[in-house]
Amino acid sequence: MNKMDRDFRAEGQAVLEYLDGEFRVVKAGSFVPCAVTGVHIPVEALRYWSVDLQEPYANPVVALKRMQEAGKTPK
């Protein structure tokens, strides 16, 4: 999603395709659950995700931990 995308403001869980530097809305919704913690992340506040794993993360600490667990970063 980028600043040119329309804001549909749908309720419920969104389904997103995570790309390099942006994401594509597959199904409109107001949040996505963090893949690690399960906390609801408002779509407009989503900043951290993995393109390879197609997962969203609540914050950079959680994202780094998950990347290390998946062997995607040096330990």
N, C-alpha and C. Protein backbone atom coordinates (compact mmCIF):
# COMPACT_ATOMS: atom_id res chain seq x y z
N MET A 1 0.86 -1.17 0.00
CA MET A 1 0.00 0.00 0.00
C MET A 1 0.90 1.22 0.00
N ASN A 2 0.53 2.20 -0.76
CA ASN A 2 1.29 3.45 -0.77
C ASN A 2 0.31 4.62 -0.72
N LYS A 3 0.84 5.83 -0.72
CA LYS A 3 -0.02 7.00 -0.53
C LYS A 3 -1.02 7.22 -1.65
N MET A 4 -0.84 6.56 -2.79
CA MET A 4 -1.77 6.70 -3.90
C MET A 4 -2.94 5.72 -3.81
N ASP A 5 -2.84 4.69 -2.97
CA ASP A 5 -3.91 3.72 -2.83
C ASP A 5 -5.10 4.34 -2.11
N ARG A 6 -6.28 3.89 -2.47
CA ARG A 6 -7.48 4.38 -1.81
C ARG A 6 -7.62 3.72 -0.45
N ASP A 7 -8.25 4.43 0.46
CA ASP A 7 -8.48 3.93 1.82
C ASP A 7 -9.92 3.43 1.89
N PHE A 8 -10.11 2.12 1.99
CA PHE A 8 -11.44 1.55 1.98
C PHE A 8 -12.07 1.47 3.38
N ARG A 9 -11.30 1.55 4.43
CA ARG A 9 -11.78 1.54 5.82
C ARG A 9 -12.73 0.39 6.12
N ALA A 10 -12.46 -0.77 5.60
CA ALA A 10 -13.27 -1.95 5.91
C ALA A 10 -12.94 -2.42 7.32
N GLU A 11 -13.89 -3.04 7.96
CA GLU A 11 -13.69 -3.57 9.30
C GLU A 11 -13.19 -5.00 9.22
N GLY A 12 -12.59 -5.48 10.31
CA GLY A 12 -12.14 -6.86 10.38
C GLY A 12 -10.71 -7.04 9.90
N GLN A 13 -10.32 -8.29 9.77
CA GLN A 13 -8.95 -8.63 9.41
C GLN A 13 -8.72 -8.46 7.91
N ALA A 14 -7.64 -7.78 7.57
CA ALA A 14 -7.25 -7.60 6.18
C ALA A 14 -6.39 -8.78 5.74
N VAL A 15 -6.36 -9.01 4.45
CA VAL A 15 -5.44 -9.98 3.86
C VAL A 15 -4.54 -9.18 2.93
N LEU A 16 -3.23 -9.28 3.16
CA LEU A 16 -2.27 -8.49 2.40
C LEU A 16 -1.24 -9.38 1.72
N GLU A 17 -0.71 -8.88 0.60
CA GLU A 17 0.45 -9.50 -0.04
C GLU A 17 1.61 -8.56 0.25
N TYR A 18 2.65 -9.07 0.90
CA TYR A 18 3.77 -8.24 1.32
C TYR A 18 4.82 -8.18 0.23
N LEU A 19 5.15 -6.97 -0.20
CA LEU A 19 6.10 -6.73 -1.28
C LEU A 19 7.29 -5.94 -0.73
N ASP A 20 8.27 -5.68 -1.56
CA ASP A 20 9.43 -4.88 -1.15
C ASP A 20 9.02 -3.42 -1.01
N GLY A 21 8.95 -2.93 0.22
CA GLY A 21 8.66 -1.53 0.48
C GLY A 21 7.20 -1.15 0.48
N GLU A 22 6.31 -2.07 0.16
CA GLU A 22 4.88 -1.80 0.19
C GLU A 22 4.12 -3.11 0.26
N PHE A 23 2.83 -3.04 0.38
CA PHE A 23 2.01 -4.25 0.38
C PHE A 23 0.78 -4.01 -0.47
N ARG A 24 0.20 -5.10 -0.93
CA ARG A 24 -1.00 -5.05 -1.76
C ARG A 24 -2.17 -5.60 -0.95
N VAL A 25 -3.27 -4.88 -0.98
CA VAL A 25 -4.46 -5.32 -0.25
C VAL A 25 -5.20 -6.35 -1.10
N VAL A 26 -5.26 -7.58 -0.59
CA VAL A 26 -5.99 -8.66 -1.26
C VAL A 26 -7.45 -8.61 -0.80
N LYS A 27 -7.64 -8.43 0.51
CA LYS A 27 -8.98 -8.29 1.09
C LYS A 27 -8.92 -7.13 2.08
N ALA A 28 -9.74 -6.14 1.86
CA ALA A 28 -9.73 -4.95 2.72
C ALA A 28 -10.12 -5.30 4.15
N GLY A 29 -9.50 -4.62 5.09
CA GLY A 29 -9.78 -4.80 6.50
C GLY A 29 -9.09 -3.71 7.28
N SER A 30 -9.33 -3.65 8.57
CA SER A 30 -8.75 -2.59 9.38
C SER A 30 -7.46 -2.98 10.09
N PHE A 31 -7.16 -4.31 10.16
CA PHE A 31 -5.97 -4.75 10.88
C PHE A 31 -5.45 -6.05 10.30
N VAL A 32 -4.19 -6.37 10.67
CA VAL A 32 -3.61 -7.70 10.45
C VAL A 32 -3.04 -8.15 11.79
N PRO A 33 -3.06 -9.44 12.09
CA PRO A 33 -2.48 -9.91 13.35
C PRO A 33 -0.97 -10.11 13.19
N CYS A 34 -0.21 -9.71 14.19
CA CYS A 34 1.23 -9.96 14.19
C CYS A 34 1.46 -11.47 14.15
N ALA A 35 2.36 -11.91 13.29
CA ALA A 35 2.63 -13.34 13.11
C ALA A 35 3.25 -13.98 14.35
N VAL A 36 3.87 -13.18 15.22
CA VAL A 36 4.54 -13.71 16.40
C VAL A 36 3.70 -13.52 17.66
N THR A 37 3.21 -12.32 17.88
CA THR A 37 2.50 -12.01 19.12
C THR A 37 0.99 -12.12 19.02
N GLY A 38 0.46 -12.03 17.81
CA GLY A 38 -0.98 -12.07 17.61
C GLY A 38 -1.69 -10.75 17.84
N VAL A 39 -0.95 -9.72 18.27
CA VAL A 39 -1.55 -8.41 18.50
C VAL A 39 -2.07 -7.86 17.17
N HIS A 40 -3.21 -7.16 17.23
CA HIS A 40 -3.79 -6.57 16.03
C HIS A 40 -3.02 -5.30 15.66
N ILE A 41 -2.56 -5.23 14.41
CA ILE A 41 -1.82 -4.08 13.91
C ILE A 41 -2.73 -3.35 12.93
N PRO A 42 -3.09 -2.09 13.19
CA PRO A 42 -3.89 -1.35 12.21
C PRO A 42 -3.14 -1.30 10.88
N VAL A 43 -3.84 -1.50 9.79
CA VAL A 43 -3.19 -1.53 8.47
C VAL A 43 -2.40 -0.25 8.23
N GLU A 44 -2.96 0.89 8.62
CA GLU A 44 -2.27 2.16 8.38
C GLU A 44 -1.01 2.32 9.24
N ALA A 45 -0.86 1.51 10.29
CA ALA A 45 0.32 1.57 11.16
C ALA A 45 1.34 0.48 10.86
N LEU A 46 1.04 -0.41 9.92
CA LEU A 46 1.93 -1.53 9.61
C LEU A 46 3.23 -1.02 9.00
N ARG A 47 4.36 -1.37 9.61
CA ARG A 47 5.68 -0.93 9.14
C ARG A 47 6.67 -2.08 8.95
N TYR A 48 6.40 -3.23 9.56
CA TYR A 48 7.36 -4.33 9.56
C TYR A 48 6.72 -5.60 9.05
N TRP A 49 7.36 -6.22 8.03
CA TRP A 49 6.87 -7.48 7.49
C TRP A 49 8.00 -8.19 6.78
N SER A 50 7.77 -9.46 6.48
CA SER A 50 8.73 -10.26 5.73
C SER A 50 8.13 -10.61 4.38
N VAL A 51 8.83 -10.27 3.31
CA VAL A 51 8.41 -10.64 1.96
C VAL A 51 8.56 -12.15 1.79
N ASP A 52 9.69 -12.70 2.25
CA ASP A 52 9.95 -14.13 2.10
C ASP A 52 8.93 -14.99 2.85
N LEU A 53 8.62 -14.60 4.08
CA LEU A 53 7.71 -15.39 4.91
C LEU A 53 6.25 -14.95 4.78
N GLN A 54 6.03 -13.78 4.15
CA GLN A 54 4.68 -13.22 3.99
C GLN A 54 3.98 -13.10 5.35
N GLU A 55 4.71 -12.45 6.31
CA GLU A 55 4.20 -12.27 7.67
C GLU A 55 4.35 -10.82 8.11
N PRO A 56 3.36 -10.27 8.83
CA PRO A 56 3.49 -8.94 9.43
C PRO A 56 3.98 -9.03 10.87
N TYR A 57 4.64 -7.97 11.33
CA TYR A 57 5.17 -7.93 12.70
C TYR A 57 4.80 -6.62 13.37
N ALA A 58 4.58 -6.68 14.68
CA ALA A 58 4.13 -5.52 15.45
C ALA A 58 5.21 -4.47 15.64
N ASN A 59 6.48 -4.88 15.70
CA ASN A 59 7.56 -3.93 15.93
C ASN A 59 8.88 -4.52 15.43
N PRO A 60 9.95 -3.72 15.39
CA PRO A 60 11.22 -4.22 14.85
C PRO A 60 11.88 -5.30 15.70
N VAL A 61 11.67 -5.27 17.00
CA VAL A 61 12.27 -6.29 17.88
C VAL A 61 11.67 -7.66 17.56
N VAL A 62 10.36 -7.71 17.43
CA VAL A 62 9.67 -8.96 17.10
C VAL A 62 10.08 -9.43 15.70
N ALA A 63 10.18 -8.50 14.76
CA ALA A 63 10.57 -8.85 13.39
C ALA A 63 11.97 -9.45 13.35
N LEU A 64 12.91 -8.83 14.06
CA LEU A 64 14.28 -9.35 14.10
C LEU A 64 14.34 -10.73 14.72
N LYS A 65 13.62 -10.92 15.82
CA LYS A 65 13.59 -12.23 16.48
C LYS A 65 13.08 -13.30 15.52
N ARG A 66 12.01 -13.00 14.81
CA ARG A 66 11.44 -13.97 13.86
C ARG A 66 12.41 -14.25 12.72
N MET A 67 13.08 -13.22 12.21
CA MET A 67 14.04 -13.41 11.12
C MET A 67 15.20 -14.30 11.57
N GLN A 68 15.66 -14.10 12.81
CA GLN A 68 16.72 -14.95 13.35
C GLN A 68 16.26 -16.39 13.50
N GLU A 69 15.04 -16.59 14.00
CA GLU A 69 14.50 -17.94 14.14
C GLU A 69 14.38 -18.64 12.79
N ALA A 70 14.05 -17.88 11.77
CA ALA A 70 13.86 -18.45 10.43
C ALA A 70 15.18 -18.59 9.67
N GLY A 71 16.29 -18.15 10.29
CA GLY A 71 17.59 -18.25 9.65
C GLY A 71 17.78 -17.25 8.52
N LYS A 72 17.07 -16.13 8.59
CA LYS A 72 17.14 -15.12 7.54
C LYS A 72 18.16 -14.02 7.83
N THR A 73 18.78 -14.04 9.03
CA THR A 73 19.80 -13.05 9.38
C THR A 73 20.95 -13.75 10.09
N PRO A 74 22.13 -13.13 10.08
CA PRO A 74 23.24 -13.70 10.87
C PRO A 74 22.91 -13.64 12.35
N LYS A 75 23.35 -14.61 13.11
CA LYS A 75 23.04 -14.65 14.55
C LYS A 75 24.00 -13.81 15.34
